[in-house]
């Protein structure tokens, strides 16, 4: 059996990662988690540090440093969370503009990459991507990490294959209490679920 499909997919993944990473860095002036933090907070305002940590794939202390940088550069501000013991991170106007640039640059890069496909090919690729994304999603945290730069309006929760797979994993995990500890839900305004 040929490994050509896997090789082509790997090359595409690397190429798109490079293009999107470069576009996000250009939009924010920073490499790393800054773009993902802006995109996430623009679409889910008021997340706490612990909630933001998951999609960024960072430790709690590394996420605090990202938030410190966002605040220092005027992109975000810290507010009291739901219980006044936690912190909610909210983008400023400048932060929302930067987040729009991040999401726009990602969309432009992906639109350019898919420009060679006709309508039928786009439909076929969509179905294949939905299937593969659902298959590789392992839990809620992984789902949030996968979708950290997604345009949530373009792929609403009710049809997002990653979200649906995370819910399915959470449902099956409810029968196993140890597995259920790996799931979380985002509730704006604090670090507690």
C-alpha atoms as a PDB file:
ATOM      1  CA  UNK A   1       0.000   0.000   0.000  1.00  0.00           C
ATOM      2  CA  UNK A   2       1.348   3.399  -0.999  1.00  0.00           C
ATOM      3  CA  UNK A   3       1.961   6.057   1.624  1.00  0.00           C
ATOM      4  CA  UNK A   4       1.497   8.827  -0.948  1.00  0.00           C
ATOM      5  CA  UNK A   5      -1.759  10.154   0.561  1.00  0.00           C
ATOM      6  CA  UNK A   6      -0.187  10.359   4.006  1.00  0.00           C
ATOM      7  CA  UNK A   7       2.884  12.074   2.567  1.00  0.00           C
ATOM      8  CA  UNK A   8       0.779  14.580   0.632  1.00  0.00           C
ATOM      9  CA  UNK A   9      -1.333  15.312   3.703  1.00  0.00           C
ATOM     10  CA  UNK A  10       1.803  15.802   5.799  1.00  0.00           C
ATOM     11  CA  UNK A  11       3.274  18.190   3.241  1.00  0.00           C
ATOM     12  CA  UNK A  12      -0.002  20.134   3.097  1.00  0.00           C
ATOM     13  CA  UNK A  13      -0.212  20.301   6.897  1.00  0.00           C
ATOM     14  CA  UNK A  14       3.337  21.663   7.145  1.00  0.00           C
ATOM     15  CA  UNK A  15       2.808  24.147   4.307  1.00  0.00           C
ATOM     16  CA  UNK A  16      -0.471  25.447   5.741  1.00  0.00           C
ATOM     17  CA  UNK A  17       1.011  25.633   9.239  1.00  0.00           C
ATOM     18  CA  UNK A  18       3.895  27.708   7.889  1.00  0.00           C
ATOM     19  CA  UNK A  19       1.623  30.033   5.899  1.00  0.00           C
ATOM     20  CA  UNK A  20      -0.856  30.492   8.749  1.00  0.00           C
ATOM     21  CA  UNK A  21       1.924  30.923  11.324  1.00  0.00           C
ATOM     22  CA  UNK A  22       3.591  33.567   9.189  1.00  0.00           C
ATOM     23  CA  UNK A  23       0.286  35.356   8.547  1.00  0.00           C
ATOM     24  CA  UNK A  24      -0.587  35.360  12.260  1.00  0.00           C
ATOM     25  CA  UNK A  25       2.904  36.590  13.172  1.00  0.00           C
ATOM     26  CA  UNK A  26       2.583  39.393  10.620  1.00  0.00           C
ATOM     27  CA  UNK A  27      -0.862  40.324  11.964  1.00  0.00           C
ATOM     28  CA  UNK A  28       0.283  40.461  15.612  1.00  0.00           C
ATOM     29  CA  UNK A  29       3.982  41.192  15.358  1.00  0.00           C
ATOM     30  CA  UNK A  30       4.606  38.138  17.537  1.00  0.00           C
ATOM     31  CA  UNK A  31       5.306  34.458  16.994  1.00  0.00           C
ATOM     32  CA  UNK A  32       3.777  31.850  19.250  1.00  0.00           C
ATOM     33  CA  UNK A  33       0.620  31.823  21.280  1.00  0.00           C
ATOM     34  CA  UNK A  34      -0.268  35.512  21.017  1.00  0.00           C
ATOM     35  CA  UNK A  35      -2.373  35.108  17.844  1.00  0.00           C
ATOM     36  CA  UNK A  36      -4.214  32.091  19.216  1.00  0.00           C
ATOM     37  CA  UNK A  37      -4.922  33.957  22.466  1.00  0.00           C
ATOM     38  CA  UNK A  38      -6.321  36.936  20.552  1.00  0.00           C
ATOM     39  CA  UNK A  39      -8.487  34.729  18.305  1.00  0.00           C
ATOM     40  CA  UNK A  40      -9.781  32.708  21.256  1.00  0.00           C
ATOM     41  CA  UNK A  41     -10.560  35.725  23.445  1.00  0.00           C
ATOM     42  CA  UNK A  42     -12.284  37.564  20.587  1.00  0.00           C
ATOM     43  CA  UNK A  43     -14.696  34.673  20.172  1.00  0.00           C
ATOM     44  CA  UNK A  44     -14.987  33.696  23.839  1.00  0.00           C
ATOM     45  CA  UNK A  45     -14.547  36.895  25.869  1.00  0.00           C
ATOM     46  CA  UNK A  46     -13.946  36.734  29.586  1.00  0.00           C
ATOM     47  CA  UNK A  47     -12.121  33.421  29.793  1.00  0.00           C
ATOM     48  CA  UNK A  48     -10.005  32.822  32.844  1.00  0.00           C
ATOM     49  CA  UNK A  49      -6.344  31.844  32.752  1.00  0.00           C
ATOM     50  CA  UNK A  50      -7.088  28.142  33.220  1.00  0.00           C
ATOM     51  CA  UNK A  51      -9.703  28.186  30.469  1.00  0.00           C
ATOM     52  CA  UNK A  52      -7.395  30.024  28.079  1.00  0.00           C
ATOM     53  CA  UNK A  53      -4.518  27.650  28.894  1.00  0.00           C
ATOM     54  CA  UNK A  54      -6.242  24.667  27.271  1.00  0.00           C
ATOM     55  CA  UNK A  55      -6.656  25.946  23.698  1.00  0.00           C
ATOM     56  CA  UNK A  56      -3.193  27.516  23.844  1.00  0.00           C
ATOM     57  CA  UNK A  57      -1.671  24.224  24.933  1.00  0.00           C
ATOM     58  CA  UNK A  58       0.370  26.057  27.571  1.00  0.00           C
ATOM     59  CA  UNK A  59       1.009  25.661  31.244  1.00  0.00           C
ATOM     60  CA  UNK A  60      -0.780  27.964  33.642  1.00  0.00           C
ATOM     61  CA  UNK A  61       2.368  30.026  34.189  1.00  0.00           C
ATOM     62  CA  UNK A  62       3.076  30.293  30.436  1.00  0.00           C
ATOM     63  CA  UNK A  63      -0.519  31.417  29.868  1.00  0.00           C
ATOM     64  CA  UNK A  64      -0.112  34.085  32.547  1.00  0.00           C
ATOM     65  CA  UNK A  65       2.934  35.360  30.626  1.00  0.00           C
ATOM     66  CA  UNK A  66       0.901  35.493  27.373  1.00  0.00           C
ATOM     67  CA  UNK A  67      -1.844  37.434  29.178  1.00  0.00           C
ATOM     68  CA  UNK A  68       0.775  39.720  30.765  1.00  0.00           C
ATOM     69  CA  UNK A  69       2.050  40.498  27.257  1.00  0.00           C
ATOM     70  CA  UNK A  70      -1.472  41.097  25.929  1.00  0.00           C
ATOM     71  CA  UNK A  71      -2.145  43.509  28.793  1.00  0.00           C
ATOM     72  CA  UNK A  72       1.238  45.251  28.511  1.00  0.00           C
ATOM     73  CA  UNK A  73       0.657  45.915  24.808  1.00  0.00           C
ATOM     74  CA  UNK A  74      -2.884  47.177  25.349  1.00  0.00           C
ATOM     75  CA  UNK A  75      -4.613  44.210  23.692  1.00  0.00           C
ATOM     76  CA  UNK A  76      -6.423  42.962  26.805  1.00  0.00           C
ATOM     77  CA  UNK A  77      -7.336  43.806  30.354  1.00  0.00           C
ATOM     78  CA  UNK A  78      -7.886  41.692  33.421  1.00  0.00           C
ATOM     79  CA  UNK A  79     -11.237  41.936  35.144  1.00  0.00           C
ATOM     80  CA  UNK A  80     -12.710  40.256  38.163  1.00  0.00           C
ATOM     81  CA  UNK A  81     -14.023  36.789  37.361  1.00  0.00           C
ATOM     82  CA  UNK A  82     -17.323  35.310  38.429  1.00  0.00           C
ATOM     83  CA  UNK A  83     -16.267  34.703  42.012  1.00  0.00           C
ATOM     84  CA  UNK A  84     -13.833  37.633  42.498  1.00  0.00           C
ATOM     85  CA  UNK A  85     -11.046  35.097  43.189  1.00  0.00           C
ATOM     86  CA  UNK A  86     -10.534  34.435  39.507  1.00  0.00           C
ATOM     87  CA  UNK A  87      -9.557  36.674  36.620  1.00  0.00           C
ATOM     88  CA  UNK A  88     -11.465  37.189  33.382  1.00  0.00           C
ATOM     89  CA  UNK A  89      -9.408  38.302  30.377  1.00  0.00           C
ATOM     90  CA  UNK A  90     -11.206  40.668  28.009  1.00  0.00           C
ATOM     91  CA  UNK A  91      -9.859  42.189  24.807  1.00  0.00           C
ATOM     92  CA  UNK A  92      -9.708  45.951  24.386  1.00  0.00           C
ATOM     93  CA  UNK A  93     -10.678  47.665  21.137  1.00  0.00           C
ATOM     94  CA  UNK A  94      -7.052  47.363  20.025  1.00  0.00           C
ATOM     95  CA  UNK A  95      -7.134  43.660  20.924  1.00  0.00           C
ATOM     96  CA  UNK A  96     -10.321  43.066  18.960  1.00  0.00           C
ATOM     97  CA  UNK A  97      -8.759  44.758  15.929  1.00  0.00           C
ATOM     98  CA  UNK A  98      -5.665  42.564  16.217  1.00  0.00           C
ATOM     99  CA  UNK A  99      -7.839  39.459  16.599  1.00  0.00           C
ATOM    100  CA  UNK A 100      -9.749  40.417  13.453  1.00  0.00           C
ATOM    101  CA  UNK A 101      -6.410  40.697  11.617  1.00  0.00           C
ATOM    102  CA  UNK A 102      -5.377  37.247  12.921  1.00  0.00           C
ATOM    103  CA  UNK A 103      -8.633  35.595  11.840  1.00  0.00           C
ATOM    104  CA  UNK A 104      -8.632  37.476   8.536  1.00  0.00           C
ATOM    105  CA  UNK A 105      -5.061  36.493   7.703  1.00  0.00           C
ATOM    106  CA  UNK A 106      -5.849  32.849   8.505  1.00  0.00           C
ATOM    107  CA  UNK A 107      -8.937  32.974   6.297  1.00  0.00           C
ATOM    108  CA  UNK A 108      -6.982  34.573   3.435  1.00  0.00           C
ATOM    109  CA  UNK A 109      -4.249  31.915   3.633  1.00  0.00           C
ATOM    110  CA  UNK A 110      -6.779  29.080   3.583  1.00  0.00           C
ATOM    111  CA  UNK A 111      -8.870  30.658   0.823  1.00  0.00           C
ATOM    112  CA  UNK A 112      -5.748  30.971  -1.322  1.00  0.00           C
ATOM    113  CA  UNK A 113      -4.813  27.335  -0.662  1.00  0.00           C
ATOM    114  CA  UNK A 114      -8.272  26.074  -1.633  1.00  0.00           C
ATOM    115  CA  UNK A 115      -8.617  28.368  -4.659  1.00  0.00           C
ATOM    116  CA  UNK A 116      -7.612  25.608  -7.082  1.00  0.00           C
ATOM    117  CA  UNK A 117     -10.603  23.435  -6.089  1.00  0.00           C
ATOM    118  CA  UNK A 118     -13.937  23.430  -7.868  1.00  0.00           C
ATOM    119  CA  UNK A 119     -17.288  23.211  -6.026  1.00  0.00           C
ATOM    120  CA  UNK A 120     -17.482  19.409  -6.216  1.00  0.00           C
ATOM    121  CA  UNK A 121     -13.925  19.008  -4.984  1.00  0.00           C
ATOM    122  CA  UNK A 122     -14.606  21.418  -2.122  1.00  0.00           C
ATOM    123  CA  UNK A 123     -17.666  19.401  -1.078  1.00  0.00           C
ATOM    124  CA  UNK A 124     -15.705  16.134  -1.194  1.00  0.00           C
ATOM    125  CA  UNK A 125     -12.798  17.627   0.750  1.00  0.00           C
ATOM    126  CA  UNK A 126     -15.181  19.061   3.355  1.00  0.00           C
ATOM    127  CA  UNK A 127     -16.699  15.628   3.989  1.00  0.00           C
ATOM    128  CA  UNK A 128     -13.266  13.997   4.229  1.00  0.00           C
ATOM    129  CA  UNK A 129     -11.937  16.687   6.603  1.00  0.00           C
ATOM    130  CA  UNK A 130     -14.994  16.371   8.845  1.00  0.00           C
ATOM    131  CA  UNK A 131     -14.420  12.630   9.108  1.00  0.00           C
ATOM    132  CA  UNK A 132     -10.688  12.913   9.805  1.00  0.00           C
ATOM    133  CA  UNK A 133     -11.082  15.748  12.338  1.00  0.00           C
ATOM    134  CA  UNK A 134     -13.727  13.803  14.236  1.00  0.00           C
ATOM    135  CA  UNK A 135     -11.494  10.729  14.273  1.00  0.00           C
ATOM    136  CA  UNK A 136      -8.440  12.521  15.662  1.00  0.00           C
ATOM    137  CA  UNK A 137     -10.267  14.485  18.401  1.00  0.00           C
ATOM    138  CA  UNK A 138      -9.524  12.782  21.711  1.00  0.00           C
ATOM    139  CA  UNK A 139     -11.283  14.938  24.318  1.00  0.00           C
ATOM    140  CA  UNK A 140     -12.540  18.452  25.174  1.00  0.00           C
ATOM    141  CA  UNK A 141      -9.097  19.928  25.787  1.00  0.00           C
ATOM    142  CA  UNK A 142      -7.797  18.516  22.518  1.00  0.00           C
ATOM    143  CA  UNK A 143     -10.847  19.904  20.716  1.00  0.00           C
ATOM    144  CA  UNK A 144     -10.232  23.365  22.132  1.00  0.00           C
ATOM    145  CA  UNK A 145      -6.576  23.148  21.104  1.00  0.00           C
ATOM    146  CA  UNK A 146      -7.440  22.023  17.560  1.00  0.00           C
ATOM    147  CA  UNK A 147      -9.885  24.910  17.108  1.00  0.00           C
ATOM    148  CA  UNK A 148      -7.759  27.631  18.736  1.00  0.00           C
ATOM    149  CA  UNK A 149      -7.527  29.628  15.502  1.00  0.00           C
ATOM    150  CA  UNK A 150     -10.883  28.614  14.037  1.00  0.00           C
ATOM    151  CA  UNK A 151     -13.537  31.074  12.967  1.00  0.00           C
ATOM    152  CA  UNK A 152     -16.313  29.769  15.199  1.00  0.00           C
ATOM    153  CA  UNK A 153     -18.988  31.550  13.157  1.00  0.00           C
ATOM    154  CA  UNK A 154     -17.903  29.635  10.027  1.00  0.00           C
ATOM    155  CA  UNK A 155     -18.212  26.279  11.804  1.00  0.00           C
ATOM    156  CA  UNK A 156     -20.875  26.533  14.528  1.00  0.00           C
ATOM    157  CA  UNK A 157     -20.816  24.062  17.425  1.00  0.00           C
ATOM    158  CA  UNK A 158     -23.887  22.196  16.181  1.00  0.00           C
ATOM    159  CA  UNK A 159     -22.043  21.096  13.001  1.00  0.00           C
ATOM    160  CA  UNK A 160     -18.378  21.282  14.024  1.00  0.00           C
ATOM    161  CA  UNK A 161     -16.917  17.768  13.738  1.00  0.00           C
ATOM    162  CA  UNK A 162     -14.346  18.506  16.437  1.00  0.00           C
ATOM    163  CA  UNK A 163     -17.006  19.777  18.870  1.00  0.00           C
ATOM    164  CA  UNK A 164     -19.301  16.838  18.133  1.00  0.00           C
ATOM    165  CA  UNK A 165     -16.466  14.365  18.680  1.00  0.00           C
ATOM    166  CA  UNK A 166     -15.524  16.048  21.974  1.00  0.00           C
ATOM    167  CA  UNK A 167     -19.136  15.780  23.144  1.00  0.00           C
ATOM    168  CA  UNK A 168     -19.234  12.119  22.151  1.00  0.00           C
ATOM    169  CA  UNK A 169     -16.035  11.493  24.130  1.00  0.00           C
ATOM    170  CA  UNK A 170     -17.483  13.337  27.127  1.00  0.00           C
ATOM    171  CA  UNK A 171     -20.683  11.258  26.957  1.00  0.00           C
ATOM    172  CA  UNK A 172     -18.749   8.001  26.857  1.00  0.00           C
ATOM    173  CA  UNK A 173     -16.457   9.267  29.611  1.00  0.00           C
ATOM    174  CA  UNK A 174     -19.417   9.918  31.924  1.00  0.00           C
ATOM    175  CA  UNK A 175     -19.656   6.149  32.368  1.00  0.00           C
ATOM    176  CA  UNK A 176     -16.001   6.221  33.472  1.00  0.00           C
ATOM    177  CA  UNK A 177     -15.431   8.871  36.202  1.00  0.00           C
ATOM    178  CA  UNK A 178     -11.637   8.919  35.687  1.00  0.00           C
ATOM    179  CA  UNK A 179     -12.073   9.788  31.995  1.00  0.00           C
ATOM    180  CA  UNK A 180     -14.671  12.436  32.832  1.00  0.00           C
ATOM    181  CA  UNK A 181     -11.989  14.412  34.703  1.00  0.00           C
ATOM    182  CA  UNK A 182     -10.268  15.064  31.365  1.00  0.00           C
ATOM    183  CA  UNK A 183     -13.252  17.002  29.991  1.00  0.00           C
ATOM    184  CA  UNK A 184     -14.097  20.636  30.673  1.00  0.00           C
ATOM    185  CA  UNK A 185     -16.552  23.244  29.617  1.00  0.00           C
ATOM    186  CA  UNK A 186     -15.775  26.876  28.967  1.00  0.00           C
ATOM    187  CA  UNK A 187     -17.714  29.302  31.082  1.00  0.00           C
ATOM    188  CA  UNK A 188     -16.686  32.920  30.562  1.00  0.00           C
ATOM    189  CA  UNK A 189     -15.733  34.964  33.570  1.00  0.00           C
ATOM    190  CA  UNK A 190     -13.590  32.667  35.615  1.00  0.00           C
ATOM    191  CA  UNK A 191     -11.384  29.665  35.952  1.00  0.00           C
ATOM    192  CA  UNK A 192     -13.986  27.431  37.544  1.00  0.00           C
ATOM    193  CA  UNK A 193     -16.253  25.313  35.281  1.00  0.00           C
END
